[in-house]
C-alpha atoms as a PDB file:
ATOM      1  CA  UNK A   1     -52.385 159.916 -19.292  1.00  0.00           C
ATOM      2  CA  UNK A   2     -50.267 156.995 -20.896  1.00  0.00           C
ATOM      3  CA  UNK A   3     -52.145 154.020 -22.496  1.00  0.00           C
ATOM      4  CA  UNK A   4     -51.874 151.017 -20.001  1.00  0.00           C
ATOM      5  CA  UNK A   5     -50.245 147.844 -21.213  1.00  0.00           C
ATOM      6  CA  UNK A   6     -52.616 145.591 -23.023  1.00  0.00           C
ATOM      7  CA  UNK A   7     -53.849 142.764 -20.518  1.00  0.00           C
ATOM      8  CA  UNK A   8     -52.938 139.118 -20.947  1.00  0.00           C
ATOM      9  CA  UNK A   9     -55.587 136.601 -20.866  1.00  0.00           C
ATOM     10  CA  UNK A  10     -56.200 135.160 -17.415  1.00  0.00           C
ATOM     11  CA  UNK A  11     -58.844 132.622 -16.062  1.00  0.00           C
ATOM     12  CA  UNK A  12     -59.456 131.541 -12.509  1.00  0.00           C
ATOM     13  CA  UNK A  13     -61.151 128.260 -11.198  1.00  0.00           C
ATOM     14  CA  UNK A  14     -64.244 129.339  -9.296  1.00  0.00           C
ATOM     15  CA  UNK A  15     -66.155 125.974  -8.070  1.00  0.00           C
ATOM     16  CA  UNK A  16     -69.612 127.345  -8.291  1.00  0.00           C
ATOM     17  CA  UNK A  17     -71.833 127.730 -11.372  1.00  0.00           C
ATOM     18  CA  UNK A  18     -73.436 131.003 -11.991  1.00  0.00           C
ATOM     19  CA  UNK A  19     -77.213 131.478 -11.428  1.00  0.00           C
ATOM     20  CA  UNK A  20     -79.417 134.185 -12.598  1.00  0.00           C
ATOM     21  CA  UNK A  21     -82.235 135.966 -11.016  1.00  0.00           C
ATOM     22  CA  UNK A  22     -85.415 136.304 -13.306  1.00  0.00           C
ATOM     23  CA  UNK A  23     -86.274 139.577 -11.809  1.00  0.00           C
ATOM     24  CA  UNK A  24     -83.409 141.337 -13.459  1.00  0.00           C
ATOM     25  CA  UNK A  25     -85.183 143.721 -15.780  1.00  0.00           C
ATOM     26  CA  UNK A  26     -87.708 145.043 -13.020  1.00  0.00           C
ATOM     27  CA  UNK A  27     -85.021 145.545 -10.489  1.00  0.00           C
ATOM     28  CA  UNK A  28     -82.797 147.406 -13.044  1.00  0.00           C
ATOM     29  CA  UNK A  29     -85.583 149.886 -13.867  1.00  0.00           C
ATOM     30  CA  UNK A  30     -86.255 150.288 -10.000  1.00  0.00           C
ATOM     31  CA  UNK A  31     -82.603 151.061  -9.326  1.00  0.00           C
ATOM     32  CA  UNK A  32     -82.553 153.623 -12.068  1.00  0.00           C
ATOM     33  CA  UNK A  33     -85.699 155.232 -10.752  1.00  0.00           C
ATOM     34  CA  UNK A  34     -84.231 155.205  -6.983  1.00  0.00           C
ATOM     35  CA  UNK A  35     -80.860 156.978  -8.214  1.00  0.00           C
ATOM     36  CA  UNK A  36     -82.642 159.393 -10.240  1.00  0.00           C
ATOM     37  CA  UNK A  37     -85.123 160.236  -7.326  1.00  0.00           C
ATOM     38  CA  UNK A  38     -82.190 161.031  -4.996  1.00  0.00           C
ATOM     39  CA  UNK A  39     -80.359 162.994  -7.611  1.00  0.00           C
ATOM     40  CA  UNK A  40     -77.455 160.630  -7.936  1.00  0.00           C
ATOM     41  CA  UNK A  41     -78.402 160.340 -11.771  1.00  0.00           C
ATOM     42  CA  UNK A  42     -79.937 163.351 -13.613  1.00  0.00           C
ATOM     43  CA  UNK A  43     -80.411 162.374 -17.096  1.00  0.00           C
ATOM     44  CA  UNK A  44     -80.142 159.855 -19.895  1.00  0.00           C
ATOM     45  CA  UNK A  45     -76.535 160.479 -20.266  1.00  0.00           C
ATOM     46  CA  UNK A  46     -75.812 159.670 -16.761  1.00  0.00           C
ATOM     47  CA  UNK A  47     -78.025 156.722 -16.783  1.00  0.00           C
ATOM     48  CA  UNK A  48     -76.318 155.214 -19.811  1.00  0.00           C
ATOM     49  CA  UNK A  49     -72.810 155.784 -18.139  1.00  0.00           C
ATOM     50  CA  UNK A  50     -73.876 154.422 -14.878  1.00  0.00           C
ATOM     51  CA  UNK A  51     -75.443 151.163 -16.625  1.00  0.00           C
ATOM     52  CA  UNK A  52     -71.665 150.329 -17.783  1.00  0.00           C
ATOM     53  CA  UNK A  53     -71.182 149.284 -14.097  1.00  0.00           C
ATOM     54  CA  UNK A  54     -73.825 146.467 -14.399  1.00  0.00           C
ATOM     55  CA  UNK A  55     -74.621 146.521 -10.801  1.00  0.00           C
ATOM     56  CA  UNK A  56     -78.270 144.959 -11.166  1.00  0.00           C
ATOM     57  CA  UNK A  57     -76.701 142.362 -13.276  1.00  0.00           C
ATOM     58  CA  UNK A  58     -74.278 141.486 -10.678  1.00  0.00           C
ATOM     59  CA  UNK A  59     -76.628 141.614  -7.725  1.00  0.00           C
ATOM     60  CA  UNK A  60     -79.038 139.404  -9.862  1.00  0.00           C
ATOM     61  CA  UNK A  61     -76.512 136.802 -10.002  1.00  0.00           C
ATOM     62  CA  UNK A  62     -75.216 137.212  -6.452  1.00  0.00           C
ATOM     63  CA  UNK A  63     -78.702 136.992  -5.020  1.00  0.00           C
ATOM     64  CA  UNK A  64     -80.341 134.733  -7.356  1.00  0.00           C
ATOM     65  CA  UNK A  65     -83.220 133.709  -5.053  1.00  0.00           C
ATOM     66  CA  UNK A  66     -84.133 137.350  -3.819  1.00  0.00           C
ATOM     67  CA  UNK A  67     -87.172 139.087  -4.974  1.00  0.00           C
ATOM     68  CA  UNK A  68     -89.358 142.248  -4.477  1.00  0.00           C
ATOM     69  CA  UNK A  69     -88.194 144.731  -1.982  1.00  0.00           C
ATOM     70  CA  UNK A  70     -85.462 142.467  -0.619  1.00  0.00           C
ATOM     71  CA  UNK A  71     -83.646 142.478  -3.958  1.00  0.00           C
ATOM     72  CA  UNK A  72     -84.484 146.110  -4.581  1.00  0.00           C
ATOM     73  CA  UNK A  73     -82.747 147.101  -1.249  1.00  0.00           C
ATOM     74  CA  UNK A  74     -79.678 145.061  -2.010  1.00  0.00           C
ATOM     75  CA  UNK A  75     -79.214 146.524  -5.485  1.00  0.00           C
ATOM     76  CA  UNK A  76     -79.736 150.007  -4.207  1.00  0.00           C
ATOM     77  CA  UNK A  77     -77.306 149.369  -1.599  1.00  0.00           C
ATOM     78  CA  UNK A  78     -74.644 147.971  -4.013  1.00  0.00           C
ATOM     79  CA  UNK A  79     -75.345 150.832  -6.597  1.00  0.00           C
ATOM     80  CA  UNK A  80     -74.609 153.500  -3.771  1.00  0.00           C
ATOM     81  CA  UNK A  81     -71.140 152.097  -3.376  1.00  0.00           C
ATOM     82  CA  UNK A  82     -70.274 152.921  -7.094  1.00  0.00           C
ATOM     83  CA  UNK A  83     -70.703 156.722  -6.564  1.00  0.00           C
ATOM     84  CA  UNK A  84     -68.121 157.549  -3.976  1.00  0.00           C
ATOM     85  CA  UNK A  85     -65.766 154.759  -5.690  1.00  0.00           C
ATOM     86  CA  UNK A  86     -65.911 156.531  -9.032  1.00  0.00           C
ATOM     87  CA  UNK A  87     -65.918 160.051  -7.437  1.00  0.00           C
ATOM     88  CA  UNK A  88     -62.633 159.078  -5.833  1.00  0.00           C
ATOM     89  CA  UNK A  89     -61.143 157.753  -9.035  1.00  0.00           C
ATOM     90  CA  UNK A  90     -61.257 161.461 -10.172  1.00  0.00           C
ATOM     91  CA  UNK A  91     -59.164 164.463  -8.723  1.00  0.00           C
ATOM     92  CA  UNK A  92     -61.240 164.481  -5.432  1.00  0.00           C
ATOM     93  CA  UNK A  93     -59.632 161.197  -4.698  1.00  0.00           C
ATOM     94  CA  UNK A  94     -56.193 162.608  -4.598  1.00  0.00           C
ATOM     95  CA  UNK A  95     -57.149 164.917  -1.716  1.00  0.00           C
ATOM     96  CA  UNK A  96     -57.219 162.924   1.444  1.00  0.00           C
ATOM     97  CA  UNK A  97     -58.666 165.909   3.248  1.00  0.00           C
ATOM     98  CA  UNK A  98     -61.725 166.061   0.939  1.00  0.00           C
ATOM     99  CA  UNK A  99     -62.095 162.242   1.072  1.00  0.00           C
ATOM    100  CA  UNK A 100     -61.983 162.108   4.821  1.00  0.00           C
ATOM    101  CA  UNK A 101     -64.524 165.001   5.220  1.00  0.00           C
ATOM    102  CA  UNK A 102     -66.962 163.146   2.817  1.00  0.00           C
ATOM    103  CA  UNK A 103     -66.401 159.602   4.364  1.00  0.00           C
ATOM    104  CA  UNK A 104     -66.876 160.863   7.930  1.00  0.00           C
ATOM    105  CA  UNK A 105     -70.346 162.266   6.972  1.00  0.00           C
ATOM    106  CA  UNK A 106     -71.208 159.071   5.471  1.00  0.00           C
ATOM    107  CA  UNK A 107     -69.804 157.095   8.574  1.00  0.00           C
ATOM    108  CA  UNK A 108     -72.116 159.349  10.727  1.00  0.00           C
ATOM    109  CA  UNK A 109     -75.245 158.565   8.824  1.00  0.00           C
ATOM    110  CA  UNK A 110     -74.856 154.730   9.554  1.00  0.00           C
ATOM    111  CA  UNK A 111     -73.232 155.116  13.018  1.00  0.00           C
ATOM    112  CA  UNK A 112     -76.099 157.301  14.471  1.00  0.00           C
ATOM    113  CA  UNK A 113     -78.899 156.430  12.084  1.00  0.00           C
ATOM    114  CA  UNK A 114     -81.655 157.985  12.121  1.00  0.00           C
ATOM    115  CA  UNK A 115     -80.442 160.850  14.142  1.00  0.00           C
ATOM    116  CA  UNK A 116     -77.770 162.104  11.952  1.00  0.00           C
ATOM    117  CA  UNK A 117     -79.797 163.751   9.100  1.00  0.00           C
ATOM    118  CA  UNK A 118     -78.266 163.911   5.562  1.00  0.00           C
ATOM    119  CA  UNK A 119     -77.564 167.200   3.852  1.00  0.00           C
ATOM    120  CA  UNK A 120     -80.540 167.686   1.343  1.00  0.00           C
ATOM    121  CA  UNK A 121     -78.317 169.205  -1.039  1.00  0.00           C
ATOM    122  CA  UNK A 122     -75.820 165.978  -0.930  1.00  0.00           C
ATOM    123  CA  UNK A 123     -77.477 163.258  -3.140  1.00  0.00           C
ATOM    124  CA  UNK A 124     -75.021 160.572  -1.741  1.00  0.00           C
ATOM    125  CA  UNK A 125     -76.105 161.404   1.683  1.00  0.00           C
ATOM    126  CA  UNK A 126     -79.854 161.189   1.127  1.00  0.00           C
ATOM    127  CA  UNK A 127     -79.576 158.060  -0.581  1.00  0.00           C
ATOM    128  CA  UNK A 128     -77.295 156.386   2.293  1.00  0.00           C
ATOM    129  CA  UNK A 129     -79.705 157.588   4.789  1.00  0.00           C
ATOM    130  CA  UNK A 130     -82.827 156.023   2.937  1.00  0.00           C
ATOM    131  CA  UNK A 131     -81.152 152.728   2.164  1.00  0.00           C
ATOM    132  CA  UNK A 132     -79.768 152.167   5.420  1.00  0.00           C
ATOM    133  CA  UNK A 133     -83.241 152.300   6.850  1.00  0.00           C
ATOM    134  CA  UNK A 134     -84.657 149.979   4.287  1.00  0.00           C
ATOM    135  CA  UNK A 135     -81.838 147.399   4.765  1.00  0.00           C
ATOM    136  CA  UNK A 136     -81.884 147.289   8.644  1.00  0.00           C
ATOM    137  CA  UNK A 137     -85.597 147.537   9.487  1.00  0.00           C
ATOM    138  CA  UNK A 138     -86.522 143.990   9.159  1.00  0.00           C
ATOM    139  CA  UNK A 139     -83.105 142.578  10.798  1.00  0.00           C
ATOM    140  CA  UNK A 140     -82.442 141.953  14.609  1.00  0.00           C
ATOM    141  CA  UNK A 141     -80.190 144.523  16.331  1.00  0.00           C
ATOM    142  CA  UNK A 142     -77.067 142.297  16.681  1.00  0.00           C
ATOM    143  CA  UNK A 143     -77.151 141.965  12.855  1.00  0.00           C
ATOM    144  CA  UNK A 144     -77.633 145.635  12.492  1.00  0.00           C
ATOM    145  CA  UNK A 145     -74.743 146.576  14.772  1.00  0.00           C
ATOM    146  CA  UNK A 146     -72.292 144.096  12.956  1.00  0.00           C
ATOM    147  CA  UNK A 147     -73.436 145.405   9.688  1.00  0.00           C
ATOM    148  CA  UNK A 148     -72.928 148.857  10.626  1.00  0.00           C
ATOM    149  CA  UNK A 149     -69.241 148.156  11.641  1.00  0.00           C
ATOM    150  CA  UNK A 150     -68.696 146.644   8.177  1.00  0.00           C
ATOM    151  CA  UNK A 151     -70.173 149.511   6.383  1.00  0.00           C
ATOM    152  CA  UNK A 152     -68.191 151.877   8.438  1.00  0.00           C
ATOM    153  CA  UNK A 153     -64.880 149.915   7.804  1.00  0.00           C
ATOM    154  CA  UNK A 154     -65.681 150.020   4.096  1.00  0.00           C
ATOM    155  CA  UNK A 155     -66.367 153.824   4.119  1.00  0.00           C
ATOM    156  CA  UNK A 156     -63.324 154.748   6.133  1.00  0.00           C
ATOM    157  CA  UNK A 157     -61.017 152.496   3.798  1.00  0.00           C
ATOM    158  CA  UNK A 158     -61.601 154.999   1.151  1.00  0.00           C
ATOM    159  CA  UNK A 159     -59.527 157.499   3.143  1.00  0.00           C
ATOM    160  CA  UNK A 160     -56.629 155.211   3.106  1.00  0.00           C
ATOM    161  CA  UNK A 161     -56.839 154.357  -0.477  1.00  0.00           C
ATOM    162  CA  UNK A 162     -56.730 158.189  -1.146  1.00  0.00           C
ATOM    163  CA  UNK A 163     -53.550 158.661   0.852  1.00  0.00           C
ATOM    164  CA  UNK A 164     -52.142 155.823  -1.260  1.00  0.00           C
ATOM    165  CA  UNK A 165     -53.151 157.658  -4.421  1.00  0.00           C
ATOM    166  CA  UNK A 166     -51.749 160.857  -3.211  1.00  0.00           C
ATOM    167  CA  UNK A 167     -48.509 159.221  -2.605  1.00  0.00           C
ATOM    168  CA  UNK A 168     -48.367 157.656  -5.970  1.00  0.00           C
ATOM    169  CA  UNK A 169     -46.863 154.350  -5.039  1.00  0.00           C
ATOM    170  CA  UNK A 170     -48.477 151.105  -4.532  1.00  0.00           C
ATOM    171  CA  UNK A 171     -48.947 150.208  -0.859  1.00  0.00           C
ATOM    172  CA  UNK A 172     -47.129 147.282   0.793  1.00  0.00           C
ATOM    173  CA  UNK A 173     -48.748 143.877   0.356  1.00  0.00           C
ATOM    174  CA  UNK A 174     -49.680 143.659   4.127  1.00  0.00           C
ATOM    175  CA  UNK A 175     -51.101 147.056   4.043  1.00  0.00           C
ATOM    176  CA  UNK A 176     -52.898 146.595   0.748  1.00  0.00           C
ATOM    177  CA  UNK A 177     -54.537 143.206   2.053  1.00  0.00           C
ATOM    178  CA  UNK A 178     -55.866 144.888   5.151  1.00  0.00           C
ATOM    179  CA  UNK A 179     -57.486 147.964   3.379  1.00  0.00           C
ATOM    180  CA  UNK A 180     -58.793 145.895   0.380  1.00  0.00           C
ATOM    181  CA  UNK A 181     -60.754 143.549   2.637  1.00  0.00           C
ATOM    182  CA  UNK A 182     -62.729 146.549   3.544  1.00  0.00           C
ATOM    183  CA  UNK A 183     -62.652 148.676   0.310  1.00  0.00           C
ATOM    184  CA  UNK A 184     -64.065 145.857  -1.889  1.00  0.00           C
ATOM    185  CA  UNK A 185     -67.231 146.357  -0.295  1.00  0.00           C
ATOM    186  CA  UNK A 186     -67.792 142.503  -0.270  1.00  0.00           C
ATOM    187  CA  UNK A 187     -68.549 141.632   3.410  1.00  0.00           C
ATOM    188  CA  UNK A 188     -70.912 144.903   3.949  1.00  0.00           C
ATOM    189  CA  UNK A 189     -72.734 144.160   1.098  1.00  0.00           C
ATOM    190  CA  UNK A 190     -72.919 140.387   1.539  1.00  0.00           C
ATOM    191  CA  UNK A 191     -76.540 140.440   2.354  1.00  0.00           C
ATOM    192  CA  UNK A 192     -77.739 136.972   2.186  1.00  0.00           C
ATOM    193  CA  UNK A 193     -79.359 137.121   5.625  1.00  0.00           C
ATOM    194  CA  UNK A 194     -81.121 140.338   4.618  1.00  0.00           C
ATOM    195  CA  UNK A 195     -82.544 139.015   1.277  1.00  0.00           C
ATOM    196  CA  UNK A 196     -83.510 135.561   3.036  1.00  0.00           C
ATOM    197  CA  UNK A 197     -84.767 137.391   6.222  1.00  0.00           C
ATOM    198  CA  UNK A 198     -82.908 135.063   8.615  1.00  0.00           C
ATOM    199  CA  UNK A 199     -79.874 135.505  10.826  1.00  0.00           C
ATOM    200  CA  UNK A 200     -76.730 133.194  11.413  1.00  0.00           C
ATOM    201  CA  UNK A 201     -76.906 132.401  15.082  1.00  0.00           C
ATOM    202  CA  UNK A 202     -73.967 133.002  17.380  1.00  0.00           C
ATOM    203  CA  UNK A 203     -73.072 129.452  17.752  1.00  0.00           C
ATOM    204  CA  UNK A 204     -71.947 129.552  14.046  1.00  0.00           C
ATOM    205  CA  UNK A 205     -70.433 132.953  13.950  1.00  0.00           C
ATOM    206  CA  UNK A 206     -68.511 132.259  16.847  1.00  0.00           C
ATOM    207  CA  UNK A 207     -66.841 129.148  15.281  1.00  0.00           C
ATOM    208  CA  UNK A 208     -62.935 129.689  14.938  1.00  0.00           C
ATOM    209  CA  UNK A 209     -63.268 129.025  11.120  1.00  0.00           C
ATOM    210  CA  UNK A 210     -65.772 131.921  10.606  1.00  0.00           C
ATOM    211  CA  UNK A 211     -63.564 135.074  10.260  1.00  0.00           C
ATOM    212  CA  UNK A 212     -60.687 133.238   8.537  1.00  0.00           C
ATOM    213  CA  UNK A 213     -63.169 131.673   6.085  1.00  0.00           C
ATOM    214  CA  UNK A 214     -64.371 135.277   5.251  1.00  0.00           C
ATOM    215  CA  UNK A 215     -60.891 136.722   4.712  1.00  0.00           C
ATOM    216  CA  UNK A 216     -60.128 134.183   2.354  1.00  0.00           C
ATOM    217  CA  UNK A 217     -63.125 134.479   0.415  1.00  0.00           C
ATOM    218  CA  UNK A 218     -62.996 138.255   0.166  1.00  0.00           C
ATOM    219  CA  UNK A 219     -59.123 137.938  -0.829  1.00  0.00           C
ATOM    220  CA  UNK A 220     -60.114 135.649  -3.716  1.00  0.00           C
ATOM    221  CA  UNK A 221     -62.714 137.930  -5.016  1.00  0.00           C
ATOM    222  CA  UNK A 222     -60.542 141.060  -4.681  1.00  0.00           C
ATOM    223  CA  UNK A 223     -57.606 139.476  -6.496  1.00  0.00           C
ATOM    224  CA  UNK A 224     -59.944 138.305  -9.431  1.00  0.00           C
ATOM    225  CA  UNK A 225     -61.421 141.704  -9.357  1.00  0.00           C
ATOM    226  CA  UNK A 226     -58.137 143.614  -9.420  1.00  0.00           C
ATOM    227  CA  UNK A 227     -56.876 141.431 -12.399  1.00  0.00           C
ATOM    228  CA  UNK A 228     -59.932 142.411 -14.507  1.00  0.00           C
ATOM    229  CA  UNK A 229     -60.017 146.084 -13.314  1.00  0.00           C
ATOM    230  CA  UNK A 230     -56.312 146.712 -13.999  1.00  0.00           C
ATOM    231  CA  UNK A 231     -56.415 148.541 -17.118  1.00  0.00           C
ATOM    232  CA  UNK A 232     -59.314 150.884 -15.747  1.00  0.00           C
ATOM    233  CA  UNK A 233     -57.305 151.393 -12.429  1.00  0.00           C
ATOM    234  CA  UNK A 234     -54.026 152.210 -14.356  1.00  0.00           C
ATOM    235  CA  UNK A 235     -55.872 154.598 -16.580  1.00  0.00           C
ATOM    236  CA  UNK A 236     -57.280 156.342 -13.559  1.00  0.00           C
ATOM    237  CA  UNK A 237     -53.925 156.324 -11.760  1.00  0.00           C
ATOM    238  CA  UNK A 238     -55.192 154.096  -8.848  1.00  0.00           C
ATOM    239  CA  UNK A 239     -52.236 152.254  -7.206  1.00  0.00           C
ATOM    240  CA  UNK A 240     -54.535 150.166  -5.011  1.00  0.00           C
ATOM    241  CA  UNK A 241     -54.498 146.857  -7.097  1.00  0.00           C
ATOM    242  CA  UNK A 242     -52.796 143.648  -6.131  1.00  0.00           C
ATOM    243  CA  UNK A 243     -51.025 143.170  -9.499  1.00  0.00           C
ATOM    244  CA  UNK A 244     -49.446 146.707  -9.084  1.00  0.00           C
ATOM    245  CA  UNK A 245     -48.309 145.905  -5.623  1.00  0.00           C
ATOM    246  CA  UNK A 246     -46.757 142.639  -6.477  1.00  0.00           C
ATOM    247  CA  UNK A 247     -44.975 144.117  -9.233  1.00  0.00           C
ATOM    248  CA  UNK A 248     -43.556 147.152  -7.164  1.00  0.00           C
ATOM    249  CA  UNK A 249     -42.861 145.236  -3.867  1.00  0.00           C
ATOM    250  CA  UNK A 250     -41.598 141.991  -5.328  1.00  0.00           C
ATOM    251  CA  UNK A 251     -40.095 143.440  -8.673  1.00  0.00           C
ATOM    252  CA  UNK A 252     -42.078 141.265 -10.946  1.00  0.00           C
ATOM    253  CA  UNK A 253     -42.906 141.531 -14.532  1.00  0.00           C
ATOM    254  CA  UNK A 254     -46.531 142.217 -15.435  1.00  0.00           C
ATOM    255  CA  UNK A 255     -47.080 138.612 -16.410  1.00  0.00           C
ATOM    256  CA  UNK A 256     -45.550 137.070 -13.567  1.00  0.00           C
ATOM    257  CA  UNK A 257     -47.557 139.268 -11.107  1.00  0.00           C
ATOM    258  CA  UNK A 258     -50.791 138.244 -12.637  1.00  0.00           C
ATOM    259  CA  UNK A 259     -49.632 134.556 -12.595  1.00  0.00           C
ATOM    260  CA  UNK A 260     -48.745 135.106  -8.742  1.00  0.00           C
ATOM    261  CA  UNK A 261     -52.241 136.328  -8.345  1.00  0.00           C
ATOM    262  CA  UNK A 262     -53.645 133.324 -10.134  1.00  0.00           C
ATOM    263  CA  UNK A 263     -51.625 130.993  -7.741  1.00  0.00           C
ATOM    264  CA  UNK A 264     -52.987 133.124  -4.603  1.00  0.00           C
ATOM    265  CA  UNK A 265     -56.489 132.714  -5.770  1.00  0.00           C
ATOM    266  CA  UNK A 266     -56.203 128.973  -6.121  1.00  0.00           C
ATOM    267  CA  UNK A 267     -54.502 128.599  -2.715  1.00  0.00           C
ATOM    268  CA  UNK A 268     -57.171 130.884  -0.925  1.00  0.00           C
ATOM    269  CA  UNK A 269     -59.892 129.065  -2.664  1.00  0.00           C
ATOM    270  CA  UNK A 270     -58.547 125.814  -1.493  1.00  0.00           C
ATOM    271  CA  UNK A 271     -58.111 126.995   2.084  1.00  0.00           C
ATOM    272  CA  UNK A 272     -61.669 128.583   1.880  1.00  0.00           C
ATOM    273  CA  UNK A 273     -63.255 125.196   0.934  1.00  0.00           C
ATOM    274  CA  UNK A 274     -61.434 123.640   3.801  1.00  0.00           C
ATOM    275  CA  UNK A 275     -62.555 126.093   6.337  1.00  0.00           C
ATOM    276  CA  UNK A 276     -66.086 125.864   5.024  1.00  0.00           C
ATOM    277  CA  UNK A 277     -66.195 122.128   5.616  1.00  0.00           C
ATOM    278  CA  UNK A 278     -64.583 122.720   8.986  1.00  0.00           C
ATOM    279  CA  UNK A 279     -67.247 125.114   9.830  1.00  0.00           C
ATOM    280  CA  UNK A 280     -69.914 123.059   8.733  1.00  0.00           C
ATOM    281  CA  UNK A 281     -68.592 119.787  10.505  1.00  0.00           C
ATOM    282  CA  UNK A 282     -68.457 121.757  13.770  1.00  0.00           C
ATOM    283  CA  UNK A 283     -71.887 123.205  13.474  1.00  0.00           C
ATOM    284  CA  UNK A 284     -74.776 121.753  15.621  1.00  0.00           C
ATOM    285  CA  UNK A 285     -77.937 120.814  13.946  1.00  0.00           C
ATOM    286  CA  UNK A 286     -79.951 123.826  15.172  1.00  0.00           C
ATOM    287  CA  UNK A 287     -77.646 126.143  13.279  1.00  0.00           C
ATOM    288  CA  UNK A 288     -76.833 123.991  10.172  1.00  0.00           C
ATOM    289  CA  UNK A 289     -79.626 125.257   8.081  1.00  0.00           C
ATOM    290  CA  UNK A 290     -78.743 128.969   8.540  1.00  0.00           C
ATOM    291  CA  UNK A 291     -75.056 128.342   7.832  1.00  0.00           C
ATOM    292  CA  UNK A 292     -75.608 126.200   4.654  1.00  0.00           C
ATOM    293  CA  UNK A 293     -77.834 128.923   3.200  1.00  0.00           C
ATOM    294  CA  UNK A 294     -75.333 131.471   4.150  1.00  0.00           C
ATOM    295  CA  UNK A 295     -72.438 129.564   2.640  1.00  0.00           C
ATOM    296  CA  UNK A 296     -74.472 128.900  -0.454  1.00  0.00           C
ATOM    297  CA  UNK A 297     -74.809 132.599  -0.820  1.00  0.00           C
ATOM    298  CA  UNK A 298     -71.348 133.161  -0.584  1.00  0.00           C
ATOM    299  CA  UNK A 299     -70.672 130.786  -3.439  1.00  0.00           C
ATOM    300  CA  UNK A 300     -73.389 132.600  -5.582  1.00  0.00           C
ATOM    301  CA  UNK A 301     -71.385 135.819  -4.786  1.00  0.00           C
ATOM    302  CA  UNK A 302     -68.031 134.366  -5.859  1.00  0.00           C
ATOM    303  CA  UNK A 303     -69.293 133.197  -9.257  1.00  0.00           C
ATOM    304  CA  UNK A 304     -71.188 136.403  -9.801  1.00  0.00           C
ATOM    305  CA  UNK A 305     -68.043 138.188  -9.050  1.00  0.00           C
ATOM    306  CA  UNK A 306     -66.035 136.137 -11.524  1.00  0.00           C
ATOM    307  CA  UNK A 307     -68.552 136.403 -14.327  1.00  0.00           C
ATOM    308  CA  UNK A 308     -69.096 140.205 -13.573  1.00  0.00           C
ATOM    309  CA  UNK A 309     -65.187 140.916 -13.573  1.00  0.00           C
ATOM    310  CA  UNK A 310     -64.731 139.216 -16.861  1.00  0.00           C
ATOM    311  CA  UNK A 311     -67.742 140.898 -18.730  1.00  0.00           C
ATOM    312  CA  UNK A 312     -68.367 144.385 -17.224  1.00  0.00           C
ATOM    313  CA  UNK A 313     -67.991 147.068 -19.726  1.00  0.00           C
ATOM    314  CA  UNK A 314     -66.777 149.195 -16.916  1.00  0.00           C
ATOM    315  CA  UNK A 315     -63.434 147.182 -16.859  1.00  0.00           C
ATOM    316  CA  UNK A 316     -62.801 146.853 -20.549  1.00  0.00           C
ATOM    317  CA  UNK A 317     -61.048 149.247 -22.933  1.00  0.00           C
ATOM    318  CA  UNK A 318     -64.421 150.163 -24.480  1.00  0.00           C
ATOM    319  CA  UNK A 319     -65.586 151.672 -21.379  1.00  0.00           C
ATOM    320  CA  UNK A 320     -64.769 155.056 -22.666  1.00  0.00           C
ATOM    321  CA  UNK A 321     -62.209 157.563 -21.784  1.00  0.00           C
ATOM    322  CA  UNK A 322     -61.403 158.857 -18.324  1.00  0.00           C
ATOM    323  CA  UNK A 323     -63.518 161.827 -18.854  1.00  0.00           C
ATOM    324  CA  UNK A 324     -66.505 159.846 -20.236  1.00  0.00           C
ATOM    325  CA  UNK A 325     -66.290 157.285 -17.431  1.00  0.00           C
ATOM    326  CA  UNK A 326     -66.428 159.995 -14.902  1.00  0.00           C
ATOM    327  CA  UNK A 327     -68.967 162.218 -16.439  1.00  0.00           C
ATOM    328  CA  UNK A 328     -71.985 160.922 -14.523  1.00  0.00           C
ATOM    329  CA  UNK A 329     -70.660 161.708 -11.167  1.00  0.00           C
ATOM    330  CA  UNK A 330     -69.301 165.400 -11.727  1.00  0.00           C
ATOM    331  CA  UNK A 331     -72.201 167.029 -10.170  1.00  0.00           C
ATOM    332  CA  UNK A 332     -71.380 165.187  -6.773  1.00  0.00           C
ATOM    333  CA  UNK A 333     -68.012 166.799  -6.643  1.00  0.00           C
ATOM    334  CA  UNK A 334     -67.692 168.531  -3.091  1.00  0.00           C
END
C-alpha cells in the first residue's frame, strides 16, 4: 500500500464548547470489561489497540451529564459500532456477500428482539443482543421502533459501502451523502433521550424542520470526520470519504477538495442553526423543554465529534500499520 499524501491543516467552526463527563475513568473500565465478557476483546494487546479508538472519551464528551447505567449503555452501544467498522476495513469489507450475510444477522437481532437469538460463537451478535435490550428497556415503544429503524439503516449501509470498496471508485456525491447519513452511526447513537430518560413528543418530531435539521447536523459531523480520517481511509483503501468523492467527481486537487468540505460545513452549520431556531419558535410550551434538552445534546455531540476527530490516535499516522490497527478484530472474521 502506498503512503497517503500528508494531510494539510484544517479547522472548522463548531459553535458549541466541549464539555466533559467526570465519570470517564469508571465507564472506560466498565466498557473494557463488557467487551471482554462478550469476547470482542481477548487480551491486553486487543485492549490496547481498541483504546486507540477513544470511544469512552468521545461518549463522555457527547453525553457530559449522563451517569451510571445510562452512560454505560451508551458507551457500550457506541463501542459495538467500532468492531464491524474495523472488520470491514479489512479484506472482509471487500466481499459484499460476506458483509451482507453478517449485517443481515445483526439487523435481525434488532428487528425481532428478543426472539432472534444470537449465535453464541459470534461475539458481535451476543454483544448486540445484550446492548439492544439495555438500550430499549426503559424507553417507550414508539422510541424503540424509531431507534430500531435507525440502527437497521446503519447496519445495512455497511453493505452499500462494501460494494463501493469492491468497485474501487468513490461513489457519486448524491449516493455518498445518502449512505453516509446512515453509516456514520450518528443518528442511531444519538441517545440523548435514552440517557435523560425522556421522550421528545410527536408535536416536536412532526415539525417540518425536524428531519432537515438532522440531515444538516449529520452531514456537518460526517464531513468533519471524513477530513480527519482521510489518511486512515486511504491507507485502508476505503473510498467512502467526501474528500475522495469531491476529488473524483469534481476533478479537484486535494487542497481544493478539503477547502470545499470546509465551505460545505460552514453552510450546513449555518442552515442547521436556522432550522434549530425555526423548530424552537414553532414548538408549543408543552414540548419546549424536551426539545431544548434534545438540541443541547445535539450541540454537545457536535463539539465532541470535532474534538475527537482532531485528537483520536485512530486517525493519526501514529495509529500503527494497517495490520496493527486491525489486529484486535482478526478473531471476528467469518
